[in-house]
Amino acid sequence: MNEFQKLDDYSTPNGFRGKSKVYVQFWWIAQSLLFKPSPQLFYGWRRFILRCFGAKIGKGVLIRSSVSIVYPWKVKIGDYSWIGDDVVLYSLGKINIGKHAVISQRSYLCTGSHDYLKRDFAIFAKPIHIKDECWLATDVYVAPNVTIGKGTVVGARSSVFKDLPKGKVCLGSPAKVIKNRSTATS
């Protein structure tokens, strides 16, 4: 007898993906054949492909070809933001990235998980909000249902499990506020 989880009882809720299984397959084919092999400087091409699949992508957004996006129709990225190499936008739920934000290489924004307290290992999705002018340094993990306040910096290799306030520098696993963010005047 299965004491903790019984995966043959699992089922994905109706409408969970936001599109049909066939549409999802078309996206995965397009991502593999048109998005990922595109030359580094073809930012406009990648913006176009994502918009064709329902993503809301602002002007001047730079998205590297090695980025992985599960469901682009659940992604919104504001003007002039940068999404670095090998970033994963695990968009089972909505991901909202503000204007002038940077998501650096190998970061992982994870909007979904499973309820380990239920034997059927039920899946769930919660949104992630990265506000304007944030910088997530390399290899940052962001958990479901997190908001990172405007202008906040999250240091390399940090893990964010709870909301972070506006205008801070945060670091660690779990990420904690280290100091206020200030900018030098030019």
N, C-alpha and C. Protein backbone atom coordinates (compact mmCIF):
# COMPACT_ATOMS: atom_id res chain seq x y z
N MET A 1 0.84 -1.19 0.00
CA MET A 1 0.00 0.00 0.00
C MET A 1 0.88 1.25 0.00
N ASN A 2 0.49 2.22 -0.79
CA ASN A 2 1.22 3.48 -0.86
C ASN A 2 0.88 4.31 0.37
N GLU A 3 1.90 4.60 1.17
CA GLU A 3 1.66 5.33 2.41
C GLU A 3 1.61 6.85 2.21
N PHE A 4 2.43 7.38 1.31
CA PHE A 4 2.56 8.83 1.19
C PHE A 4 2.03 9.41 -0.12
N GLN A 5 2.31 8.75 -1.22
CA GLN A 5 1.77 9.25 -2.48
C GLN A 5 1.46 8.09 -3.40
N LYS A 6 0.39 8.27 -4.13
CA LYS A 6 -0.11 7.24 -5.04
C LYS A 6 -0.30 7.90 -6.40
N LEU A 7 0.74 7.85 -7.22
CA LEU A 7 0.77 8.62 -8.46
C LEU A 7 -0.22 8.15 -9.51
N ASP A 8 -0.69 6.92 -9.43
CA ASP A 8 -1.69 6.49 -10.40
C ASP A 8 -3.06 7.14 -10.13
N ASP A 9 -3.20 7.84 -9.01
CA ASP A 9 -4.41 8.63 -8.73
C ASP A 9 -4.28 10.08 -9.21
N TYR A 10 -3.09 10.47 -9.66
CA TYR A 10 -2.87 11.85 -10.11
C TYR A 10 -3.60 12.15 -11.41
N SER A 11 -4.12 13.35 -11.52
CA SER A 11 -4.63 13.83 -12.81
C SER A 11 -4.45 15.34 -12.87
N THR A 12 -4.10 15.82 -14.06
CA THR A 12 -3.95 17.25 -14.29
C THR A 12 -5.35 17.86 -14.38
N PRO A 13 -5.62 18.93 -13.62
CA PRO A 13 -6.95 19.54 -13.67
C PRO A 13 -7.29 20.06 -15.06
N ASN A 14 -8.56 20.01 -15.41
CA ASN A 14 -9.03 20.55 -16.70
C ASN A 14 -8.65 22.02 -16.81
N GLY A 15 -8.11 22.41 -17.97
CA GLY A 15 -7.76 23.80 -18.22
C GLY A 15 -6.49 24.28 -17.55
N PHE A 16 -5.77 23.39 -16.89
CA PHE A 16 -4.58 23.78 -16.14
C PHE A 16 -3.52 24.43 -17.03
N ARG A 17 -3.34 23.90 -18.23
CA ARG A 17 -2.32 24.41 -19.15
C ARG A 17 -2.70 25.76 -19.76
N GLY A 18 -3.99 26.05 -19.80
CA GLY A 18 -4.45 27.29 -20.41
C GLY A 18 -4.69 27.19 -21.90
N LYS A 19 -4.26 26.12 -22.50
CA LYS A 19 -4.47 25.83 -23.92
C LYS A 19 -4.60 24.33 -24.06
N SER A 20 -5.02 23.87 -25.23
CA SER A 20 -5.18 22.44 -25.46
C SER A 20 -3.81 21.74 -25.51
N LYS A 21 -3.85 20.43 -25.33
CA LYS A 21 -2.62 19.63 -25.41
C LYS A 21 -1.96 19.78 -26.78
N VAL A 22 -2.77 19.88 -27.83
CA VAL A 22 -2.23 20.03 -29.19
C VAL A 22 -1.51 21.36 -29.32
N TYR A 23 -2.12 22.44 -28.81
CA TYR A 23 -1.50 23.76 -28.86
C TYR A 23 -0.17 23.76 -28.10
N VAL A 24 -0.16 23.11 -26.94
CA VAL A 24 1.08 22.99 -26.15
C VAL A 24 2.16 22.30 -26.98
N GLN A 25 1.79 21.24 -27.68
CA GLN A 25 2.77 20.52 -28.51
C GLN A 25 3.32 21.42 -29.62
N PHE A 26 2.44 22.22 -30.24
CA PHE A 26 2.90 23.16 -31.27
C PHE A 26 3.91 24.14 -30.68
N TRP A 27 3.65 24.63 -29.46
CA TRP A 27 4.60 25.54 -28.82
C TRP A 27 5.94 24.84 -28.62
N TRP A 28 5.92 23.62 -28.09
CA TRP A 28 7.18 22.92 -27.82
C TRP A 28 7.97 22.67 -29.10
N ILE A 29 7.27 22.39 -30.19
CA ILE A 29 7.94 22.22 -31.49
C ILE A 29 8.54 23.56 -31.94
N ALA A 30 7.76 24.62 -31.85
CA ALA A 30 8.25 25.94 -32.26
C ALA A 30 9.45 26.38 -31.40
N GLN A 31 9.37 26.10 -30.10
CA GLN A 31 10.49 26.45 -29.22
C GLN A 31 11.76 25.69 -29.63
N SER A 32 11.59 24.42 -29.97
CA SER A 32 12.75 23.59 -30.35
C SER A 32 13.32 23.95 -31.72
N LEU A 33 12.45 24.24 -32.69
CA LEU A 33 12.90 24.43 -34.07
C LEU A 33 13.11 25.88 -34.48
N LEU A 34 12.39 26.81 -33.85
CA LEU A 34 12.45 28.21 -34.28
C LEU A 34 13.08 29.14 -33.24
N PHE A 35 12.82 28.89 -31.98
CA PHE A 35 13.28 29.78 -30.91
C PHE A 35 14.72 29.45 -30.49
N LYS A 36 14.95 28.25 -30.03
CA LYS A 36 16.26 27.87 -29.47
C LYS A 36 17.41 27.93 -30.47
N PRO A 37 17.23 27.51 -31.74
CA PRO A 37 18.38 27.58 -32.66
C PRO A 37 18.62 28.97 -33.26
N SER A 38 17.80 29.95 -32.90
CA SER A 38 17.97 31.28 -33.50
C SER A 38 19.28 31.92 -33.05
N PRO A 39 19.94 32.66 -33.94
CA PRO A 39 21.20 33.31 -33.59
C PRO A 39 21.03 34.27 -32.41
N GLN A 40 22.10 34.43 -31.68
CA GLN A 40 22.09 35.22 -30.45
C GLN A 40 21.42 36.58 -30.60
N LEU A 41 21.71 37.29 -31.67
CA LEU A 41 21.22 38.66 -31.82
C LEU A 41 19.80 38.77 -32.39
N PHE A 42 19.12 37.66 -32.61
CA PHE A 42 17.77 37.68 -33.17
C PHE A 42 16.71 37.89 -32.08
N TYR A 43 16.86 38.92 -31.29
CA TYR A 43 15.92 39.20 -30.20
C TYR A 43 14.53 39.49 -30.73
N GLY A 44 14.45 40.26 -31.82
CA GLY A 44 13.15 40.57 -32.41
C GLY A 44 12.41 39.33 -32.87
N TRP A 45 13.14 38.39 -33.45
CA TRP A 45 12.56 37.13 -33.91
C TRP A 45 11.95 36.37 -32.73
N ARG A 46 12.70 36.28 -31.62
CA ARG A 46 12.20 35.55 -30.45
C ARG A 46 11.00 36.27 -29.82
N ARG A 47 11.03 37.60 -29.80
CA ARG A 47 9.86 38.34 -29.30
C ARG A 47 8.64 38.02 -30.17
N PHE A 48 8.85 38.00 -31.49
CA PHE A 48 7.77 37.70 -32.43
C PHE A 48 7.18 36.31 -32.17
N ILE A 49 8.03 35.31 -32.05
CA ILE A 49 7.56 33.93 -31.81
C ILE A 49 6.76 33.86 -30.52
N LEU A 50 7.29 34.47 -29.46
CA LEU A 50 6.57 34.43 -28.18
C LEU A 50 5.22 35.13 -28.27
N ARG A 51 5.18 36.27 -28.95
CA ARG A 51 3.91 36.98 -29.12
C ARG A 51 2.92 36.14 -29.93
N CYS A 52 3.40 35.40 -30.92
CA CYS A 52 2.53 34.52 -31.71
C CYS A 52 1.86 33.46 -30.84
N PHE A 53 2.52 33.10 -29.75
CA PHE A 53 1.97 32.10 -28.83
C PHE A 53 1.36 32.73 -27.58
N GLY A 54 1.04 34.02 -27.65
CA GLY A 54 0.25 34.66 -26.60
C GLY A 54 1.01 35.35 -25.50
N ALA A 55 2.34 35.34 -25.53
CA ALA A 55 3.10 36.07 -24.51
C ALA A 55 2.92 37.57 -24.74
N LYS A 56 2.92 38.30 -23.66
CA LYS A 56 2.86 39.77 -23.74
C LYS A 56 4.28 40.28 -23.49
N ILE A 57 4.95 40.65 -24.58
CA ILE A 57 6.36 41.04 -24.54
C ILE A 57 6.48 42.51 -24.91
N GLY A 58 7.08 43.31 -24.04
CA GLY A 58 7.23 44.73 -24.27
C GLY A 58 8.29 45.04 -25.32
N LYS A 59 8.44 46.33 -25.61
CA LYS A 59 9.43 46.74 -26.61
C LYS A 59 10.84 46.68 -26.02
N GLY A 60 11.78 46.34 -26.89
CA GLY A 60 13.18 46.31 -26.51
C GLY A 60 13.58 45.19 -25.56
N VAL A 61 12.72 44.19 -25.37
CA VAL A 61 13.03 43.07 -24.48
C VAL A 61 14.10 42.19 -25.12
N LEU A 62 15.10 41.81 -24.35
CA LEU A 62 16.16 40.91 -24.82
C LEU A 62 15.99 39.55 -24.15
N ILE A 63 15.68 38.55 -24.96
CA ILE A 63 15.51 37.19 -24.47
C ILE A 63 16.50 36.30 -25.21
N ARG A 64 17.37 35.65 -24.46
CA ARG A 64 18.38 34.79 -25.06
C ARG A 64 17.73 33.52 -25.61
N SER A 65 18.38 32.93 -26.62
CA SER A 65 17.81 31.75 -27.28
C SER A 65 17.80 30.51 -26.40
N SER A 66 18.61 30.49 -25.35
CA SER A 66 18.66 29.32 -24.47
C SER A 66 17.61 29.35 -23.36
N VAL A 67 16.76 30.38 -23.34
CA VAL A 67 15.68 30.47 -22.36
C VAL A 67 14.65 29.38 -22.63
N SER A 68 14.10 28.79 -21.57
CA SER A 68 13.02 27.80 -21.70
C SER A 68 11.75 28.38 -21.07
N ILE A 69 10.66 28.29 -21.81
CA ILE A 69 9.38 28.81 -21.34
C ILE A 69 8.35 27.70 -21.53
N VAL A 70 7.68 27.31 -20.45
CA VAL A 70 6.73 26.21 -20.54
C VAL A 70 5.48 26.63 -21.31
N TYR A 71 4.79 27.69 -20.85
CA TYR A 71 3.57 28.17 -21.50
C TYR A 71 3.70 29.68 -21.71
N PRO A 72 4.09 30.13 -22.90
CA PRO A 72 4.30 31.56 -23.12
C PRO A 72 3.04 32.40 -22.94
N TRP A 73 1.87 31.83 -23.15
CA TRP A 73 0.61 32.57 -22.99
C TRP A 73 0.37 32.95 -21.53
N LYS A 74 1.20 32.48 -20.61
CA LYS A 74 1.10 32.85 -19.20
C LYS A 74 2.24 33.79 -18.77
N VAL A 75 2.96 34.36 -19.74
CA VAL A 75 4.13 35.19 -19.45
C VAL A 75 3.91 36.62 -19.94
N LYS A 76 4.27 37.56 -19.09
CA LYS A 76 4.24 38.98 -19.45
C LYS A 76 5.58 39.59 -19.03
N ILE A 77 6.26 40.26 -19.99
CA ILE A 77 7.57 40.88 -19.73
C ILE A 77 7.50 42.33 -20.19
N GLY A 78 7.83 43.25 -19.29
CA GLY A 78 7.75 44.67 -19.57
C GLY A 78 8.90 45.18 -20.44
N ASP A 79 8.74 46.40 -20.93
CA ASP A 79 9.69 47.05 -21.83
C ASP A 79 11.12 47.01 -21.29
N TYR A 80 12.06 46.75 -22.20
CA TYR A 80 13.50 46.83 -21.98
C TYR A 80 14.05 45.88 -20.92
N SER A 81 13.34 44.82 -20.62
CA SER A 81 13.85 43.83 -19.68
C SER A 81 14.75 42.83 -20.38
N TRP A 82 15.60 42.20 -19.60
CA TRP A 82 16.56 41.22 -20.13
C TRP A 82 16.32 39.87 -19.45
N ILE A 83 16.27 38.80 -20.26
CA ILE A 83 16.14 37.44 -19.76
C ILE A 83 17.37 36.69 -20.25
N GLY A 84 18.24 36.28 -19.32
CA GLY A 84 19.57 35.76 -19.65
C GLY A 84 19.60 34.29 -20.05
N ASP A 85 20.82 33.86 -20.38
CA ASP A 85 21.05 32.49 -20.84
C ASP A 85 20.58 31.45 -19.82
N ASP A 86 19.95 30.42 -20.34
CA ASP A 86 19.52 29.25 -19.56
C ASP A 86 18.53 29.56 -18.45
N VAL A 87 17.85 30.69 -18.53
CA VAL A 87 16.77 30.98 -17.59
C VAL A 87 15.60 30.06 -17.91
N VAL A 88 14.93 29.59 -16.86
CA VAL A 88 13.72 28.79 -17.02
C VAL A 88 12.54 29.58 -16.46
N LEU A 89 11.56 29.82 -17.32
CA LEU A 89 10.30 30.42 -16.90
C LEU A 89 9.29 29.27 -16.85
N TYR A 90 9.21 28.64 -15.70
CA TYR A 90 8.34 27.48 -15.51
C TYR A 90 6.94 28.00 -15.24
N SER A 91 6.29 28.39 -16.31
CA SER A 91 5.06 29.17 -16.26
C SER A 91 3.80 28.31 -16.23
N LEU A 92 3.72 27.42 -15.24
CA LEU A 92 2.45 26.71 -15.04
C LEU A 92 1.39 27.70 -14.59
N GLY A 93 1.82 28.72 -13.84
CA GLY A 93 0.99 29.86 -13.46
C GLY A 93 1.56 31.09 -14.15
N LYS A 94 0.96 32.23 -13.90
CA LYS A 94 1.39 33.46 -14.56
C LYS A 94 2.72 33.97 -14.01
N ILE A 95 3.55 34.45 -14.93
CA ILE A 95 4.80 35.12 -14.58
C ILE A 95 4.72 36.52 -15.15
N ASN A 96 4.83 37.51 -14.27
CA ASN A 96 4.81 38.92 -14.66
C ASN A 96 6.15 39.53 -14.30
N ILE A 97 6.90 39.95 -15.30
CA ILE A 97 8.20 40.59 -15.12
C ILE A 97 8.04 42.04 -15.57
N GLY A 98 8.40 42.98 -14.71
CA GLY A 98 8.18 44.39 -15.00
C GLY A 98 9.15 44.96 -16.02
N LYS A 99 9.11 46.28 -16.14
CA LYS A 99 9.98 47.01 -17.07
C LYS A 99 11.38 47.14 -16.49
N HIS A 100 12.37 47.15 -17.39
CA HIS A 100 13.77 47.37 -17.01
C HIS A 100 14.26 46.38 -15.95
N ALA A 101 13.73 45.17 -15.96
CA ALA A 101 14.13 44.12 -15.02
C ALA A 101 15.16 43.21 -15.69
N VAL A 102 16.02 42.61 -14.88
CA VAL A 102 17.02 41.67 -15.38
C VAL A 102 16.87 40.34 -14.64
N ILE A 103 16.68 39.27 -15.40
CA ILE A 103 16.67 37.92 -14.86
C ILE A 103 17.93 37.27 -15.44
N SER A 104 18.95 37.14 -14.60
CA SER A 104 20.26 36.69 -15.08
C SER A 104 20.31 35.18 -15.31
N GLN A 105 21.40 34.77 -15.94
CA GLN A 105 21.60 33.40 -16.40
C GLN A 105 21.34 32.36 -15.31
N ARG A 106 20.74 31.28 -15.77
CA ARG A 106 20.43 30.08 -14.99
C ARG A 106 19.43 30.31 -13.86
N SER A 107 18.75 31.45 -13.84
CA SER A 107 17.70 31.64 -12.83
C SER A 107 16.48 30.80 -13.20
N TYR A 108 15.69 30.47 -12.19
CA TYR A 108 14.55 29.56 -12.37
C TYR A 108 13.35 30.15 -11.66
N LEU A 109 12.36 30.57 -12.44
CA LEU A 109 11.12 31.10 -11.88
C LEU A 109 10.08 29.99 -11.96
N CYS A 110 9.67 29.47 -10.80
CA CYS A 110 8.85 28.26 -10.73
C CYS A 110 7.47 28.59 -10.16
N THR A 111 6.45 28.58 -11.00
CA THR A 111 5.10 28.93 -10.55
C THR A 111 4.28 27.73 -10.10
N GLY A 112 4.80 26.53 -10.21
CA GLY A 112 4.00 25.37 -9.87
C GLY A 112 4.72 24.37 -9.01
N SER A 113 3.93 23.54 -8.35
CA SER A 113 4.48 22.45 -7.55
C SER A 113 3.37 21.43 -7.30
N HIS A 114 3.62 20.54 -6.38
CA HIS A 114 2.65 19.51 -6.02
C HIS A 114 2.37 19.58 -4.52
N ASP A 115 1.16 19.21 -4.15
CA ASP A 115 0.78 19.17 -2.74
C ASP A 115 1.19 17.82 -2.18
N TYR A 116 2.30 17.80 -1.46
CA TYR A 116 2.84 16.55 -0.94
C TYR A 116 2.00 15.97 0.21
N LEU A 117 1.06 16.75 0.72
CA LEU A 117 0.18 16.26 1.77
C LEU A 117 -0.98 15.44 1.23
N LYS A 118 -1.20 15.51 -0.08
CA LYS A 118 -2.28 14.76 -0.71
C LYS A 118 -1.70 13.53 -1.40
N ARG A 119 -2.33 12.42 -1.19
CA ARG A 119 -1.83 11.16 -1.76
C ARG A 119 -1.81 11.18 -3.27
N ASP A 120 -2.72 11.94 -3.90
CA ASP A 120 -2.74 11.98 -5.37
C ASP A 120 -1.73 12.97 -5.93
N PHE A 121 -0.92 13.63 -5.04
CA PHE A 121 0.18 14.51 -5.44
C PHE A 121 -0.34 15.64 -6.35
N ALA A 122 -1.47 16.22 -5.94
CA ALA A 122 -2.17 17.25 -6.74
C ALA A 122 -1.23 18.38 -7.13
N ILE A 123 -1.35 18.81 -8.37
CA ILE A 123 -0.53 19.91 -8.88
C ILE A 123 -1.24 21.23 -8.61
N PHE A 124 -0.44 22.30 -8.43
CA PHE A 124 -1.02 23.63 -8.28
C PHE A 124 -0.10 24.65 -8.94
N ALA A 125 -0.66 25.81 -9.23
CA ALA A 125 0.11 26.91 -9.81
C ALA A 125 -0.26 28.20 -9.09
N LYS A 126 0.74 29.02 -8.82
CA LYS A 126 0.58 30.33 -8.20
C LYS A 126 1.46 31.30 -8.98
N PRO A 127 1.05 32.56 -9.12
CA PRO A 127 1.80 33.52 -9.93
C PRO A 127 3.10 33.98 -9.27
N ILE A 128 3.99 34.50 -10.11
CA ILE A 128 5.21 35.18 -9.66
C ILE A 128 5.17 36.58 -10.27
N HIS A 129 5.49 37.57 -9.44
CA HIS A 129 5.55 38.96 -9.88
C HIS A 129 6.94 39.52 -9.58
N ILE A 130 7.67 39.87 -10.63
CA ILE A 130 8.96 40.55 -10.50
C ILE A 130 8.70 41.98 -10.95
N LYS A 131 8.75 42.91 -10.01
CA LYS A 131 8.38 44.29 -10.31
C LYS A 131 9.46 45.00 -11.14
N ASP A 132 9.14 46.21 -11.61
CA ASP A 132 10.05 47.01 -12.43
C ASP A 132 11.41 47.17 -11.75
N GLU A 133 12.46 47.19 -12.58
CA GLU A 133 13.82 47.55 -12.17
C GLU A 133 14.47 46.56 -11.19
N CYS A 134 13.96 45.35 -11.11
CA CYS A 134 14.61 44.32 -10.27
C CYS A 134 15.79 43.72 -11.01
N TRP A 135 16.70 43.16 -10.25
CA TRP A 135 17.77 42.37 -10.81
C TRP A 135 17.89 41.08 -10.03
N LEU A 136 17.63 39.97 -10.69
CA LEU A 136 17.89 38.66 -10.12
C LEU A 136 19.22 38.21 -10.70
N ALA A 137 20.24 38.12 -9.85
CA ALA A 137 21.57 37.73 -10.31
C ALA A 137 21.57 36.25 -10.69
N THR A 138 22.72 35.74 -11.05
CA THR A 138 22.81 34.38 -11.59
C THR A 138 22.26 33.32 -10.64
N ASP A 139 21.55 32.36 -11.23
CA ASP A 139 21.14 31.14 -10.55
C ASP A 139 20.21 31.38 -9.36
N VAL A 140 19.29 32.33 -9.49
CA VAL A 140 18.31 32.61 -8.44
C VAL A 140 17.07 31.75 -8.67
N TYR A 141 16.57 31.15 -7.59
CA TYR A 141 15.33 30.38 -7.64
C TYR A 141 14.23 31.22 -7.01
N VAL A 142 13.09 31.32 -7.70
CA VAL A 142 11.92 32.02 -7.18
C VAL A 142 10.76 31.03 -7.13
N ALA A 143 10.17 30.88 -5.94
CA ALA A 143 9.11 29.92 -5.70
C ALA A 143 7.74 30.48 -6.11
N PRO A 144 6.73 29.59 -6.21
CA PRO A 144 5.38 30.05 -6.54
C PRO A 144 4.85 31.05 -5.51
N ASN A 145 4.01 31.96 -5.99
CA ASN A 145 3.29 32.93 -5.15
C ASN A 145 4.22 33.94 -4.48
N VAL A 146 5.26 34.35 -5.20
CA VAL A 146 6.22 35.33 -4.67
C VAL A 146 6.14 36.61 -5.49
N THR A 147 6.25 37.74 -4.79
CA THR A 147 6.39 39.05 -5.41
C THR A 147 7.69 39.66 -4.94
N ILE A 148 8.49 40.14 -5.88
CA ILE A 148 9.74 40.84 -5.56
C ILE A 148 9.52 42.31 -5.88
N GLY A 149 9.66 43.16 -4.87
CA GLY A 149 9.33 44.58 -4.98
C GLY A 149 10.22 45.34 -5.94
N LYS A 150 9.71 46.48 -6.39
CA LYS A 150 10.38 47.33 -7.37
C LYS A 150 11.82 47.64 -6.95
N GLY A 151 12.73 47.44 -7.91
CA GLY A 151 14.12 47.83 -7.71
C GLY A 151 14.95 46.92 -6.81
N THR A 152 14.40 45.82 -6.37
CA THR A 152 15.13 44.93 -5.47
C THR A 152 16.14 44.08 -6.25
N VAL A 153 17.29 43.88 -5.63
CA VAL A 153 18.35 43.02 -6.17
C VAL A 153 18.36 41.74 -5.35
N VAL A 154 18.41 40.60 -6.03
CA VAL A 154 18.53 39.31 -5.36
C VAL A 154 19.87 38.72 -5.77
N GLY A 155 20.73 38.48 -4.80
CA GLY A 155 22.10 38.02 -5.06
C GLY A 155 22.17 36.62 -5.65
N ALA A 156 23.31 36.34 -6.26
CA ALA A 156 23.57 35.06 -6.92
C ALA A 156 23.31 33.88 -6.00
N ARG A 157 22.74 32.85 -6.57
CA ARG A 157 22.46 31.58 -5.91
C ARG A 157 21.50 31.68 -4.74
N SER A 158 20.71 32.74 -4.70
CA SER A 158 19.70 32.89 -3.64
C SER A 158 18.44 32.12 -4.01
N SER A 159 17.65 31.80 -2.98
CA SER A 159 16.35 31.15 -3.16
C SER A 159 15.29 32.02 -2.49
N VAL A 160 14.27 32.38 -3.25
CA VAL A 160 13.25 33.29 -2.76
C VAL A 160 11.95 32.51 -2.57
N PHE A 161 11.54 32.37 -1.31
CA PHE A 161 10.33 31.62 -0.97
C PHE A 161 9.21 32.51 -0.46
N LYS A 162 9.53 33.78 -0.13
CA LYS A 162 8.55 34.74 0.37
C LYS A 162 8.77 36.07 -0.32
N ASP A 163 7.73 36.90 -0.30
CA ASP A 163 7.81 38.22 -0.91
C ASP A 163 9.01 39.01 -0.37
N LEU A 164 9.62 39.79 -1.26
CA LEU A 164 10.71 40.68 -0.88
C LEU A 164 10.26 42.12 -1.10
N PRO A 165 10.62 43.03 -0.20
CA PRO A 165 10.15 44.42 -0.32
C PRO A 165 10.88 45.21 -1.40
N LYS A 166 10.37 46.37 -1.67
CA LYS A 166 10.89 47.30 -2.66
C LYS A 166 12.24 47.88 -2.24
N GLY A 167 13.14 48.02 -3.25
CA GLY A 167 14.37 48.78 -3.06
C GLY A 167 15.38 48.19 -2.09
N LYS A 168 15.50 46.88 -2.06
CA LYS A 168 16.42 46.22 -1.13
C LYS A 168 17.45 45.39 -1.89
N VAL A 169 18.52 45.03 -1.20
CA VAL A 169 19.46 44.03 -1.68
C VAL A 169 19.25 42.82 -0.78
N CYS A 170 18.98 41.66 -1.39
CA CYS A 170 18.65 40.45 -0.65
C CYS A 170 19.59 39.33 -1.07
N LEU A 171 19.84 38.42 -0.14
CA LEU A 171 20.81 37.37 -0.39
C LEU A 171 20.50 36.18 0.50
N GLY A 172 20.80 34.98 -0.01
CA GLY A 172 20.74 33.78 0.81
C GLY A 172 19.67 32.81 0.40
N SER A 173 19.63 31.71 1.14
CA SER A 173 18.63 30.68 0.93
C SER A 173 18.10 30.23 2.29
N PRO A 174 16.99 30.78 2.71
CA PRO A 174 16.11 31.69 1.98
C PRO A 174 16.68 33.11 1.92
N ALA A 175 16.29 33.84 0.87
CA ALA A 175 16.77 35.21 0.69
C ALA A 175 16.25 36.09 1.82
N LYS A 176 17.16 36.92 2.33
CA LYS A 176 16.83 37.87 3.39
C LYS A 176 17.36 39.24 2.99
N VAL A 177 16.71 40.28 3.49
CA VAL A 177 17.14 41.65 3.23
C VAL A 177 18.50 41.87 3.90
N ILE A 178 19.48 42.38 3.12
CA ILE A 178 20.81 42.68 3.62
C ILE A 178 20.97 44.18 3.86
N LYS A 179 20.45 44.96 2.90
CA LYS A 179 20.57 46.41 3.01
C LYS A 179 19.63 47.07 2.01
N ASN A 180 19.54 48.38 2.08
CA ASN A 180 18.79 49.16 1.10
C ASN A 180 19.59 49.25 -0.19
N ARG A 181 18.89 49.33 -1.31
CA ARG A 181 19.56 49.54 -2.59
C ARG A 181 19.62 51.04 -2.82
N SER A 182 20.80 51.48 -3.14
CA SER A 182 20.95 52.89 -3.50
C SER A 182 21.69 52.94 -4.84
N THR A 183 21.57 54.05 -5.53
CA THR A 183 22.23 54.18 -6.82
C THR A 183 23.13 55.40 -6.78
N ALA A 184 24.24 55.27 -7.46
CA ALA A 184 25.16 56.41 -7.58
C ALA A 184 24.63 57.33 -8.67
N THR A 185 24.81 58.60 -8.48
CA THR A 185 24.40 59.54 -9.53
C THR A 185 25.56 59.72 -10.49
N SER A 186 25.22 59.79 -11.76
CA SER A 186 26.27 59.90 -12.80
C SER A 186 26.71 61.32 -12.98
